[in-house]
C-alpha atoms as a PDB file:
ATOM      1  CA  MET A   1     173.121 216.391 100.597  1.00  0.00           C
ATOM      2  CA  SER A   2     173.455 216.276 104.372  1.00  0.00           C
ATOM      3  CA  GLY A   3     176.886 214.980 105.314  1.00  0.00           C
ATOM      4  CA  PRO A   4     177.886 212.609 108.103  1.00  0.00           C
ATOM      5  CA  SER A   5     177.731 213.899 111.680  1.00  0.00           C
ATOM      6  CA  ALA A   6     180.877 215.020 113.475  1.00  0.00           C
ATOM      7  CA  GLU A   7     180.664 211.926 115.646  1.00  0.00           C
ATOM      8  CA  ARG A   8     180.449 209.676 112.596  1.00  0.00           C
ATOM      9  CA  VAL A   9     183.413 211.420 110.971  1.00  0.00           C
ATOM     10  CA  ARG A  10     185.492 210.894 114.120  1.00  0.00           C
ATOM     11  CA  SER A  11     184.552 207.220 114.130  1.00  0.00           C
ATOM     12  CA  LEU A  12     185.529 206.762 110.486  1.00  0.00           C
ATOM     13  CA  ILE A  13     188.845 208.581 110.899  1.00  0.00           C
ATOM     14  CA  GLU A  14     189.669 206.468 113.959  1.00  0.00           C
ATOM     15  CA  GLY A  15     188.790 203.366 111.943  1.00  0.00           C
ATOM     16  CA  MET A  16     191.333 204.311 109.253  1.00  0.00           C
ATOM     17  CA  ALA A  17     194.254 203.795 111.611  1.00  0.00           C
ATOM     18  CA  GLY A  18     196.150 200.598 110.956  1.00  0.00           C
ATOM     19  CA  ARG A  19     194.216 199.571 107.835  1.00  0.00           C
ATOM     20  CA  GLN A  20     196.346 197.567 105.396  1.00  0.00           C
ATOM     21  CA  VAL A  21     196.024 198.873 101.819  1.00  0.00           C
ATOM     22  CA  VAL A  22     197.755 197.580  98.689  1.00  0.00           C
ATOM     23  CA  VAL A  23     198.492 200.216  96.016  1.00  0.00           C
ATOM     24  CA  VAL A  24     199.342 198.959  92.522  1.00  0.00           C
ATOM     25  CA  GLY A  25     200.381 201.203  89.645  1.00  0.00           C
ATOM     26  CA  ASP A  26     202.915 203.639  88.246  1.00  0.00           C
ATOM     27  CA  ILE A  27     205.299 205.241  90.731  1.00  0.00           C
ATOM     28  CA  MET A  28     207.475 208.306  90.261  1.00  0.00           C
ATOM     29  CA  LEU A  29     209.694 210.747  92.123  1.00  0.00           C
ATOM     30  CA  ASP A  30     208.412 214.305  92.511  1.00  0.00           C
ATOM     31  CA  HIS A  31     211.296 216.765  92.764  1.00  0.00           C
ATOM     32  CA  PHE A  32     210.475 220.357  93.738  1.00  0.00           C
ATOM     33  CA  VAL A  33     212.877 223.285  93.366  1.00  0.00           C
ATOM     34  CA  TRP A  34     211.623 226.234  95.430  1.00  0.00           C
ATOM     35  CA  GLY A  35     212.861 229.768  94.833  1.00  0.00           C
ATOM     36  CA  ASP A  36     212.217 233.410  94.042  1.00  0.00           C
ATOM     37  CA  VAL A  37     212.196 235.419  90.831  1.00  0.00           C
ATOM     38  CA  GLU A  38     213.751 238.875  91.017  1.00  0.00           C
ATOM     39  CA  ARG A  39     214.750 239.537  87.422  1.00  0.00           C
ATOM     40  CA  ILE A  40     214.540 238.401  83.813  1.00  0.00           C
ATOM     41  CA  SER A  41     217.593 236.760  82.271  1.00  0.00           C
ATOM     42  CA  PRO A  42     219.690 238.988  79.987  1.00  0.00           C
ATOM     43  CA  GLU A  43     220.333 235.900  77.860  1.00  0.00           C
ATOM     44  CA  ALA A  44     216.706 235.166  76.982  1.00  0.00           C
ATOM     45  CA  PRO A  45     213.201 236.401  77.959  1.00  0.00           C
ATOM     46  CA  VAL A  46     212.901 233.926  80.854  1.00  0.00           C
ATOM     47  CA  PRO A  47     212.763 234.411  84.626  1.00  0.00           C
ATOM     48  CA  VAL A  48     215.863 233.787  86.712  1.00  0.00           C
ATOM     49  CA  VAL A  49     214.931 231.644  89.703  1.00  0.00           C
ATOM     50  CA  ARG A  50     217.090 232.030  92.783  1.00  0.00           C
ATOM     51  CA  VAL A  51     216.935 228.573  94.371  1.00  0.00           C
ATOM     52  CA  ARG A  52     216.129 228.544  98.091  1.00  0.00           C
ATOM     53  CA  ARG A  53     215.551 224.838  98.751  1.00  0.00           C
ATOM     54  CA  GLU A  54     214.683 221.500  97.157  1.00  0.00           C
ATOM     55  CA  SER A  55     212.405 218.658  98.271  1.00  0.00           C
ATOM     56  CA  LEU A  56     211.558 215.117  97.201  1.00  0.00           C
ATOM     57  CA  HIS A  57     208.165 213.411  97.453  1.00  0.00           C
ATOM     58  CA  PRO A  58     206.692 210.118  96.199  1.00  0.00           C
ATOM     59  CA  GLY A  59     204.538 210.686  93.128  1.00  0.00           C
ATOM     60  CA  GLY A  60     202.016 208.650  91.147  1.00  0.00           C
ATOM     61  CA  CYS A  61     200.864 205.643  93.143  1.00  0.00           C
ATOM     62  CA  GLY A  62     203.535 206.623  95.667  1.00  0.00           C
ATOM     63  CA  ASN A  63     201.540 209.757  96.449  1.00  0.00           C
ATOM     64  CA  VAL A  64     198.434 207.612  96.945  1.00  0.00           C
ATOM     65  CA  ALA A  65     200.449 205.607  99.481  1.00  0.00           C
ATOM     66  CA  ALA A  66     201.701 208.819 101.125  1.00  0.00           C
ATOM     67  CA  ASN A  67     198.113 210.018 101.535  1.00  0.00           C
ATOM     68  CA  LEU A  68     197.125 206.682 103.039  1.00  0.00           C
ATOM     69  CA  ARG A  69     200.057 206.788 105.449  1.00  0.00           C
ATOM     70  CA  ALA A  70     199.284 210.368 106.493  1.00  0.00           C
ATOM     71  CA  LEU A  71     195.769 209.226 107.452  1.00  0.00           C
ATOM     72  CA  GLY A  72     197.143 206.419 109.609  1.00  0.00           C
ATOM     73  CA  ALA A  73     196.977 203.433 107.254  1.00  0.00           C
ATOM     74  CA  HIS A  74     199.746 200.952 106.412  1.00  0.00           C
ATOM     75  CA  PRO A  75     200.126 201.003 102.614  1.00  0.00           C
ATOM     76  CA  ARG A  76     202.182 198.607 100.535  1.00  0.00           C
ATOM     77  CA  VAL A  77     203.256 199.756  97.063  1.00  0.00           C
ATOM     78  CA  VAL A  78     203.525 197.362  94.116  1.00  0.00           C
ATOM     79  CA  ALA A  79     205.122 199.116  91.118  1.00  0.00           C
ATOM     80  CA  PRO A  80     208.049 198.948  88.672  1.00  0.00           C
ATOM     81  CA  ILE A  81     211.102 201.048  89.485  1.00  0.00           C
ATOM     82  CA  GLY A  82     214.477 201.660  87.876  1.00  0.00           C
ATOM     83  CA  GLU A  83     217.830 200.735  89.373  1.00  0.00           C
ATOM     84  CA  ASP A  84     219.055 204.308  89.158  1.00  0.00           C
ATOM     85  CA  ARG A  85     219.688 207.299  91.407  1.00  0.00           C
ATOM     86  CA  ALA A  86     216.071 208.463  91.223  1.00  0.00           C
ATOM     87  CA  GLY A  87     214.894 204.979  92.140  1.00  0.00           C
ATOM     88  CA  ALA A  88     217.210 204.888  95.162  1.00  0.00           C
ATOM     89  CA  SER A  89     215.993 208.334  96.246  1.00  0.00           C
ATOM     90  CA  LEU A  90     212.408 207.207  95.870  1.00  0.00           C
ATOM     91  CA  ARG A  91     213.001 204.195  98.088  1.00  0.00           C
ATOM     92  CA  ASP A  92     214.598 206.463 100.701  1.00  0.00           C
ATOM     93  CA  VAL A  93     211.605 208.802 100.629  1.00  0.00           C
ATOM     94  CA  LEU A  94     209.126 205.932 100.977  1.00  0.00           C
ATOM     95  CA  ARG A  95     211.025 204.415 103.874  1.00  0.00           C
ATOM     96  CA  GLY A  96     211.245 207.814 105.528  1.00  0.00           C
ATOM     97  CA  LEU A  97     207.436 207.915 105.438  1.00  0.00           C
ATOM     98  CA  GLN A  98     207.264 204.334 106.781  1.00  0.00           C
ATOM     99  CA  ILE A  99     205.697 203.034 103.566  1.00  0.00           C
ATOM    100  CA  ASP A 100     206.293 199.372 102.702  1.00  0.00           C
ATOM    101  CA  ASP A 101     208.390 199.319  99.507  1.00  0.00           C
ATOM    102  CA  SER A 102     208.874 195.540  99.397  1.00  0.00           C
ATOM    103  CA  GLY A 103     206.516 195.304  96.423  1.00  0.00           C
ATOM    104  CA  LEU A 104     208.658 197.517  94.179  1.00  0.00           C
ATOM    105  CA  VAL A 105     209.942 195.585  91.150  1.00  0.00           C
ATOM    106  CA  PRO A 106     213.436 196.735  90.034  1.00  0.00           C
ATOM    107  CA  ILE A 107     213.961 196.712  86.268  1.00  0.00           C
ATOM    108  CA  PRO A 108     217.592 196.942  85.059  1.00  0.00           C
ATOM    109  CA  GLY A 109     218.100 199.663  82.492  1.00  0.00           C
ATOM    110  CA  ARG A 110     214.797 201.379  83.189  1.00  0.00           C
ATOM    111  CA  THR A 111     214.616 205.086  83.993  1.00  0.00           C
ATOM    112  CA  THR A 112     212.623 205.824  87.143  1.00  0.00           C
ATOM    113  CA  THR A 113     210.051 208.484  86.300  1.00  0.00           C
ATOM    114  CA  LYS A 114     211.093 211.803  87.835  1.00  0.00           C
ATOM    115  CA  LYS A 115     209.144 215.042  87.555  1.00  0.00           C
ATOM    116  CA  THR A 116     210.959 218.238  88.463  1.00  0.00           C
ATOM    117  CA  ARG A 117     208.868 221.337  89.146  1.00  0.00           C
ATOM    118  CA  ILE A 118     210.369 224.807  89.532  1.00  0.00           C
ATOM    119  CA  VAL A 119     208.194 226.855  91.897  1.00  0.00           C
ATOM    120  CA  ALA A 120     208.682 230.568  92.528  1.00  0.00           C
ATOM    121  CA  HIS A 121     206.423 232.868  94.550  1.00  0.00           C
ATOM    122  CA  HIS A 122     203.832 230.095  94.978  1.00  0.00           C
ATOM    123  CA  GLN A 123     203.580 229.508  91.214  1.00  0.00           C
ATOM    124  CA  GLN A 124     204.970 226.733  89.046  1.00  0.00           C
ATOM    125  CA  VAL A 125     207.369 228.225  86.511  1.00  0.00           C
ATOM    126  CA  VAL A 126     208.148 225.094  84.512  1.00  0.00           C
ATOM    127  CA  ARG A 127     208.126 221.306  84.830  1.00  0.00           C
ATOM    128  CA  PHE A 128     210.434 218.839  83.136  1.00  0.00           C
ATOM    129  CA  ASP A 129     210.065 215.062  83.141  1.00  0.00           C
ATOM    130  CA  ARG A 130     212.468 212.169  82.877  1.00  0.00           C
ATOM    131  CA  GLU A 131     210.560 208.998  82.164  1.00  0.00           C
ATOM    132  CA  GLU A 132     210.320 205.768  80.222  1.00  0.00           C
ATOM    133  CA  GLU A 133     207.119 203.823  79.694  1.00  0.00           C
ATOM    134  CA  THR A 134     207.409 200.403  81.290  1.00  0.00           C
ATOM    135  CA  ASP A 135     207.855 197.523  78.876  1.00  0.00           C
ATOM    136  CA  PRO A 136     205.208 195.050  80.154  1.00  0.00           C
ATOM    137  CA  GLY A 137     207.385 192.146  79.113  1.00  0.00           C
ATOM    138  CA  ARG A 138     210.039 193.155  81.635  1.00  0.00           C
ATOM    139  CA  SER A 139     207.795 193.603  84.654  1.00  0.00           C
ATOM    140  CA  GLU A 140     204.274 192.313  84.045  1.00  0.00           C
ATOM    141  CA  SER A 141     204.577 188.844  85.566  1.00  0.00           C
ATOM    142  CA  ALA A 142     206.565 190.095  88.580  1.00  0.00           C
ATOM    143  CA  LEU A 143     204.051 192.876  89.201  1.00  0.00           C
ATOM    144  CA  ARG A 144     201.123 190.498  88.867  1.00  0.00           C
ATOM    145  CA  ASP A 145     202.667 187.948  91.212  1.00  0.00           C
ATOM    146  CA  GLY A 146     203.611 190.645  93.711  1.00  0.00           C
ATOM    147  CA  ALA A 147     200.157 192.184  93.655  1.00  0.00           C
ATOM    148  CA  MET A 148     198.378 188.851  93.985  1.00  0.00           C
ATOM    149  CA  GLY A 149     200.606 187.874  96.885  1.00  0.00           C
ATOM    150  CA  ALA A 150     199.984 191.188  98.639  1.00  0.00           C
ATOM    151  CA  LEU A 151     196.211 190.685  98.690  1.00  0.00           C
ATOM    152  CA  GLU A 152     196.321 188.324 101.640  1.00  0.00           C
ATOM    153  CA  GLY A 153     195.473 190.187 104.806  1.00  0.00           C
ATOM    154  CA  THR A 154     194.733 193.507 103.126  1.00  0.00           C
ATOM    155  CA  HIS A 155     191.685 195.672 103.832  1.00  0.00           C
ATOM    156  CA  ALA A 156     191.544 197.427 100.432  1.00  0.00           C
ATOM    157  CA  LEU A 157     193.160 197.515  96.995  1.00  0.00           C
ATOM    158  CA  ILE A 158     193.835 200.637  94.934  1.00  0.00           C
ATOM    159  CA  ILE A 159     194.822 200.634  91.258  1.00  0.00           C
ATOM    160  CA  SER A 160     196.588 203.923  90.493  1.00  0.00           C
ATOM    161  CA  ASP A 161     196.965 204.037  86.707  1.00  0.00           C
ATOM    162  CA  TYR A 162     199.120 206.865  85.380  1.00  0.00           C
ATOM    163  CA  ASP A 163     199.352 205.282  81.914  1.00  0.00           C
ATOM    164  CA  LYS A 164     203.099 204.662  82.157  1.00  0.00           C
ATOM    165  CA  GLY A 165     202.742 200.966  81.369  1.00  0.00           C
ATOM    166  CA  ALA A 166     202.602 199.314  84.799  1.00  0.00           C
ATOM    167  CA  VAL A 167     198.849 198.651  84.679  1.00  0.00           C
ATOM    168  CA  THR A 168     198.195 196.155  81.879  1.00  0.00           C
ATOM    169  CA  PRO A 169     195.123 194.244  80.704  1.00  0.00           C
ATOM    170  CA  ASP A 170     196.589 190.993  82.028  1.00  0.00           C
ATOM    171  CA  LEU A 171     197.243 192.537  85.445  1.00  0.00           C
ATOM    172  CA  LEU A 172     193.678 193.864  85.678  1.00  0.00           C
ATOM    173  CA  GLU A 173     192.087 190.651  84.439  1.00  0.00           C
ATOM    174  CA  SER A 174     193.975 188.657  87.085  1.00  0.00           C
ATOM    175  CA  LEU A 175     193.840 191.047  90.018  1.00  0.00           C
ATOM    176  CA  LEU A 176     190.341 192.533  89.980  1.00  0.00           C
ATOM    177  CA  PRO A 177     188.319 189.274  89.999  1.00  0.00           C
ATOM    178  CA  ALA A 178     190.596 187.901  92.745  1.00  0.00           C
ATOM    179  CA  ALA A 179     190.024 191.018  94.833  1.00  0.00           C
ATOM    180  CA  ARG A 180     186.260 190.851  94.285  1.00  0.00           C
ATOM    181  CA  GLU A 181     186.254 187.201  95.382  1.00  0.00           C
ATOM    182  CA  ALA A 182     188.258 188.110  98.506  1.00  0.00           C
ATOM    183  CA  GLY A 183     185.530 190.564  99.442  1.00  0.00           C
ATOM    184  CA  PHE A 184     187.440 193.770 100.244  1.00  0.00           C
ATOM    185  CA  PRO A 185     186.854 197.146  98.523  1.00  0.00           C
ATOM    186  CA  VAL A 186     188.674 197.889  95.268  1.00  0.00           C
ATOM    187  CA  GLY A 187     189.237 201.440  94.048  1.00  0.00           C
ATOM    188  CA  ILE A 188     190.541 202.557  90.663  1.00  0.00           C
ATOM    189  CA  ASP A 189     191.949 205.919  89.613  1.00  0.00           C
ATOM    190  CA  PRO A 190     191.662 205.440  85.843  1.00  0.00           C
ATOM    191  CA  LYS A 191     193.292 206.536  82.618  1.00  0.00           C
ATOM    192  CA  LEU A 192     191.877 206.336  79.112  1.00  0.00           C
ATOM    193  CA  ARG A 193     193.821 203.399  77.649  1.00  0.00           C
ATOM    194  CA  ASN A 194     192.519 200.677  79.981  1.00  0.00           C
ATOM    195  CA  PHE A 195     189.126 202.157  80.777  1.00  0.00           C
ATOM    196  CA  ALA A 196     186.975 199.264  79.608  1.00  0.00           C
ATOM    197  CA  LEU A 197     189.040 196.811  81.692  1.00  0.00           C
ATOM    198  CA  TYR A 198     188.503 198.380  85.136  1.00  0.00           C
ATOM    199  CA  ARG A 199     185.992 195.766  86.193  1.00  0.00           C
ATOM    200  CA  PRO A 200     184.765 194.569  88.602  1.00  0.00           C
ATOM    201  CA  ALA A 201     185.385 197.357  91.110  1.00  0.00           C
ATOM    202  CA  THR A 202     183.901 198.955  94.182  1.00  0.00           C
ATOM    203  CA  LEU A 203     184.671 202.558  93.221  1.00  0.00           C
ATOM    204  CA  VAL A 204     186.090 204.167  90.069  1.00  0.00           C
ATOM    205  CA  THR A 205     187.070 207.866  90.166  1.00  0.00           C
ATOM    206  CA  PRO A 206     187.274 209.346  86.639  1.00  0.00           C
ATOM    207  CA  ASN A 207     187.448 213.040  85.888  1.00  0.00           C
ATOM    208  CA  LEU A 208     185.057 214.482  83.303  1.00  0.00           C
ATOM    209  CA  THR A 209     187.354 213.764  80.358  1.00  0.00           C
ATOM    210  CA  GLU A 210     187.868 210.160  81.427  1.00  0.00           C
ATOM    211  CA  ALA A 211     184.165 209.680  82.141  1.00  0.00           C
ATOM    212  CA  ALA A 212     183.249 210.973  78.686  1.00  0.00           C
ATOM    213  CA  HIS A 213     185.771 208.635  77.078  1.00  0.00           C
ATOM    214  CA  GLY A 214     184.490 205.652  79.024  1.00  0.00           C
ATOM    215  CA  ALA A 215     180.856 206.448  78.282  1.00  0.00           C
ATOM    216  CA  GLY A 216     181.533 206.986  74.595  1.00  0.00           C
ATOM    217  CA  PHE A 217     180.048 210.476  74.241  1.00  0.00           C
ATOM    218  CA  PRO A 218     180.873 214.046  75.332  1.00  0.00           C
ATOM    219  CA  ILE A 219     179.576 215.348  78.647  1.00  0.00           C
ATOM    220  CA  ARG A 220     178.344 218.905  78.126  1.00  0.00           C
ATOM    221  CA  THR A 221     175.083 218.980  80.058  1.00  0.00           C
ATOM    222  CA  ASP A 222     173.702 217.674  83.346  1.00  0.00           C
ATOM    223  CA  ALA A 223     171.601 215.167  81.420  1.00  0.00           C
ATOM    224  CA  GLU A 224     174.666 213.807  79.632  1.00  0.00           C
ATOM    225  CA  LEU A 225     176.501 213.550  82.963  1.00  0.00           C
ATOM    226  CA  LEU A 226     173.665 211.486  84.442  1.00  0.00           C
ATOM    227  CA  ARG A 227     173.563 209.215  81.420  1.00  0.00           C
ATOM    228  CA  ALA A 228     177.351 208.766  81.438  1.00  0.00           C
ATOM    229  CA  GLY A 229     177.474 207.920  85.138  1.00  0.00           C
ATOM    230  CA  ALA A 230     174.772 205.296  84.812  1.00  0.00           C
ATOM    231  CA  ARG A 231     176.434 203.742  81.774  1.00  0.00           C
ATOM    232  CA  LEU A 232     179.850 203.596  83.438  1.00  0.00           C
ATOM    233  CA  ARG A 233     178.527 201.990  86.611  1.00  0.00           C
ATOM    234  CA  GLU A 234     176.859 199.248  84.593  1.00  0.00           C
ATOM    235  CA  SER A 235     179.671 198.658  82.087  1.00  0.00           C
ATOM    236  CA  LEU A 236     182.377 198.517  84.774  1.00  0.00           C
ATOM    237  CA  ASP A 237     180.314 196.387  87.156  1.00  0.00           C
ATOM    238  CA  ALA A 238     181.092 198.972  89.838  1.00  0.00           C
ATOM    239  CA  ASP A 239     179.259 199.702  93.068  1.00  0.00           C
ATOM    240  CA  GLY A 240     179.992 203.383  92.566  1.00  0.00           C
ATOM    241  CA  ILE A 241     181.344 205.845  90.013  1.00  0.00           C
ATOM    242  CA  LEU A 242     182.695 209.078  91.502  1.00  0.00           C
ATOM    243  CA  VAL A 243     183.129 211.674  88.753  1.00  0.00           C
ATOM    244  CA  THR A 244     185.456 214.483  89.841  1.00  0.00           C
ATOM    245  CA  ARG A 245     184.408 217.782  88.244  1.00  0.00           C
ATOM    246  CA  GLY A 246     186.929 220.372  89.387  1.00  0.00           C
ATOM    247  CA  ASP A 247     185.275 223.491  90.779  1.00  0.00           C
ATOM    248  CA  GLN A 248     181.878 221.850  90.236  1.00  0.00           C
ATOM    249  CA  GLY A 249     182.646 219.285  92.925  1.00  0.00           C
ATOM    250  CA  MET A 250     181.916 215.576  92.482  1.00  0.00           C
ATOM    251  CA  SER A 251     179.024 213.363  91.424  1.00  0.00           C
ATOM    252  CA  LEU A 252     178.562 209.882  92.889  1.00  0.00           C
ATOM    253  CA  PHE A 253     176.561 207.286  90.937  1.00  0.00           C
ATOM    254  CA  GLU A 254     175.323 204.232  92.824  1.00  0.00           C
ATOM    255  CA  ALA A 255     172.866 201.392  92.269  1.00  0.00           C
ATOM    256  CA  ARG A 256     169.249 202.010  91.217  1.00  0.00           C
ATOM    257  CA  ASP A 257     170.254 205.281  89.509  1.00  0.00           C
ATOM    258  CA  THR A 258     171.030 206.974  92.823  1.00  0.00           C
ATOM    259  CA  VAL A 259     173.045 210.151  92.161  1.00  0.00           C
ATOM    260  CA  THR A 260     174.601 212.391  94.797  1.00  0.00           C
ATOM    261  CA  HIS A 261     176.135 215.736  93.829  1.00  0.00           C
ATOM    262  CA  ILE A 262     178.760 217.053  96.254  1.00  0.00           C
ATOM    263  CA  PRO A 263     179.796 220.737  95.999  1.00  0.00           C
ATOM    264  CA  ALA A 264     183.506 221.541  95.807  1.00  0.00           C
ATOM    265  CA  ALA A 265     185.064 221.995  99.240  1.00  0.00           C
ATOM    266  CA  ALA A 266     188.097 224.148  98.390  1.00  0.00           C
ATOM    267  CA  ARG A 267     187.945 227.805  99.373  1.00  0.00           C
ATOM    268  CA  GLU A 268     191.332 228.644  97.884  1.00  0.00           C
ATOM    269  CA  VAL A 269     193.311 226.746  95.263  1.00  0.00           C
ATOM    270  CA  PHE A 270     197.104 226.878  95.238  1.00  0.00           C
ATOM    271  CA  ASP A 271     198.074 223.624  93.511  1.00  0.00           C
ATOM    272  CA  VAL A 272     196.008 220.720  92.155  1.00  0.00           C
ATOM    273  CA  THR A 273     199.060 218.431  91.899  1.00  0.00           C
ATOM    274  CA  GLY A 274     198.083 214.984  93.177  1.00  0.00           C
ATOM    275  CA  ALA A 275     194.510 215.910  94.109  1.00  0.00           C
ATOM    276  CA  GLY A 276     193.193 212.738  92.469  1.00  0.00           C
ATOM    277  CA  ASP A 277     195.561 210.700  94.632  1.00  0.00           C
ATOM    278  CA  THR A 278     194.086 212.300  97.742  1.00  0.00           C
ATOM    279  CA  VAL A 279     190.561 211.497  96.509  1.00  0.00           C
ATOM    280  CA  ILE A 280     191.112 207.794  95.861  1.00  0.00           C
ATOM    281  CA  ALA A 281     193.182 207.309  99.031  1.00  0.00           C
ATOM    282  CA  THR A 282     190.654 208.980 101.325  1.00  0.00           C
ATOM    283  CA  ALA A 283     187.634 207.350  99.700  1.00  0.00           C
ATOM    284  CA  MET A 284     189.044 203.842  99.855  1.00  0.00           C
ATOM    285  CA  LEU A 285     190.307 204.242 103.398  1.00  0.00           C
ATOM    286  CA  THR A 286     186.828 205.392 104.427  1.00  0.00           C
ATOM    287  CA  LEU A 287     185.352 202.251 102.875  1.00  0.00           C
ATOM    288  CA  ALA A 288     187.996 200.110 104.592  1.00  0.00           C
ATOM    289  CA  ALA A 289     186.958 201.719 107.878  1.00  0.00           C
ATOM    290  CA  GLY A 290     183.352 200.636 107.326  1.00  0.00           C
ATOM    291  CA  GLY A 291     181.977 203.759 105.649  1.00  0.00           C
ATOM    292  CA  THR A 292     179.371 203.928 102.895  1.00  0.00           C
ATOM    293  CA  LEU A 293     180.061 205.128  99.368  1.00  0.00           C
ATOM    294  CA  GLN A 294     178.400 208.461 100.150  1.00  0.00           C
ATOM    295  CA  GLU A 295     180.541 208.882 103.246  1.00  0.00           C
ATOM    296  CA  ALA A 296     183.636 207.927 101.247  1.00  0.00           C
ATOM    297  CA  ALA A 297     182.835 210.511  98.569  1.00  0.00           C
ATOM    298  CA  THR A 298     182.090 213.217 101.134  1.00  0.00           C
ATOM    299  CA  LEU A 299     185.329 212.698 103.070  1.00  0.00           C
ATOM    300  CA  ALA A 300     187.332 212.441  99.839  1.00  0.00           C
ATOM    301  CA  ASN A 301     185.861 215.692  98.570  1.00  0.00           C
ATOM    302  CA  ARG A 302     186.746 217.505 101.795  1.00  0.00           C
ATOM    303  CA  ALA A 303     190.264 216.011 101.834  1.00  0.00           C
ATOM    304  CA  ALA A 304     190.874 217.124  98.244  1.00  0.00           C
ATOM    305  CA  GLY A 305     189.804 220.640  99.193  1.00  0.00           C
ATOM    306  CA  ILE A 306     192.420 220.650 101.946  1.00  0.00           C
ATOM    307  CA  ALA A 307     195.152 219.239  99.680  1.00  0.00           C
ATOM    308  CA  ILE A 308     194.767 221.728  96.821  1.00  0.00           C
ATOM    309  CA  ALA A 309     195.016 224.624  99.273  1.00  0.00           C
ATOM    310  CA  LYS A 310     198.643 223.525  99.817  1.00  0.00           C
ATOM    311  CA  LEU A 311     201.618 223.889  97.510  1.00  0.00           C
ATOM    312  CA  GLY A 312     203.237 220.836  95.969  1.00  0.00           C
ATOM    313  CA  THR A 313     202.441 217.153  96.327  1.00  0.00           C
ATOM    314  CA  ALA A 314     200.315 217.359  99.476  1.00  0.00           C
ATOM    315  CA  THR A 315     198.762 214.962 101.971  1.00  0.00           C
ATOM    316  CA  VAL A 316     196.039 215.395 104.585  1.00  0.00           C
ATOM    317  CA  THR A 317     196.249 214.483 108.264  1.00  0.00           C
ATOM    318  CA  PRO A 318     193.466 213.033 110.434  1.00  0.00           C
ATOM    319  CA  ARG A 319     193.400 216.270 112.456  1.00  0.00           C
ATOM    320  CA  GLU A 320     192.938 218.399 109.312  1.00  0.00           C
ATOM    321  CA  LEU A 321     190.178 216.160 107.999  1.00  0.00           C
ATOM    322  CA  SER A 322     188.435 216.044 111.368  1.00  0.00           C
ATOM    323  CA  THR A 323     188.628 219.822 111.757  1.00  0.00           C
ATOM    324  CA  ALA A 324     187.121 220.333 108.292  1.00  0.00           C
ATOM    325  CA  PHE A 325     183.963 218.589 109.542  1.00  0.00           C
ATOM    326  CA  GLY A 326     183.945 220.353 112.891  1.00  0.00           C
ATOM    327  CA  ALA A 327     184.775 217.067 114.559  1.00  0.00           C
END
């Protein structure tokens, strides 16, 4: 496909600045320990990592918000969070990025999800997680009320479902029809459990595994991919289905069986952590700036290519995105 002109890309990126976007979903703290490996432990056959530095980043729907903020938008996060040290650190990180955390719902006794990754010589050595699936009974009504209240004045809504319990059937059944009635674009980064409930939506961004689950059959051939995309668009009452296919790029399914295949943009892959967050953030911000679904998919694909060429939980700047299109 022929992509948007450099002038059009500049216009869309300029239009992203100042857009108000509500992000609802599961939030977590990404903790990176960076170091070097020089020897194997004498105690066990494992590498000894000499720690050089540590860093904290918002993860889950927080990383979606970080990507939105990096592109010039004003995101507001609505998510459950624990009243613990990780939760306090997460709030500090969000505020440091100038992300509105007023929609966070504190839950006494809950453990804030924290993922710690040990990285040595540009490779992840191990990851360990501290997490607790949200009990819907403790947060569902507060999350729903907070999300519904945040819709006023927004330019787009993103549901970032990491299957940790924040995104429930009741939340989706209340929020999505209200957003459709309000008339702004709604994007969903899905997981398997709630797949049939992601409707109505403007854009849904499953990977191949999620698309196969939602369609109800395996996707092994191009013909099966086409059939799955068409079925998902109809069953989810979506304007577009953007299937992310790793090194095969992306496939966008629109009305009247229109299919656009977009080749992968990455030249070098260092870390795919959070790439899906970059995709949904860039695509929805493009739509909020007045772009078409094809333009949203094209910019999202290029942004993901930039993000996975970086180590860790990465974001993309307007300059990087503009440069990638020669704009």
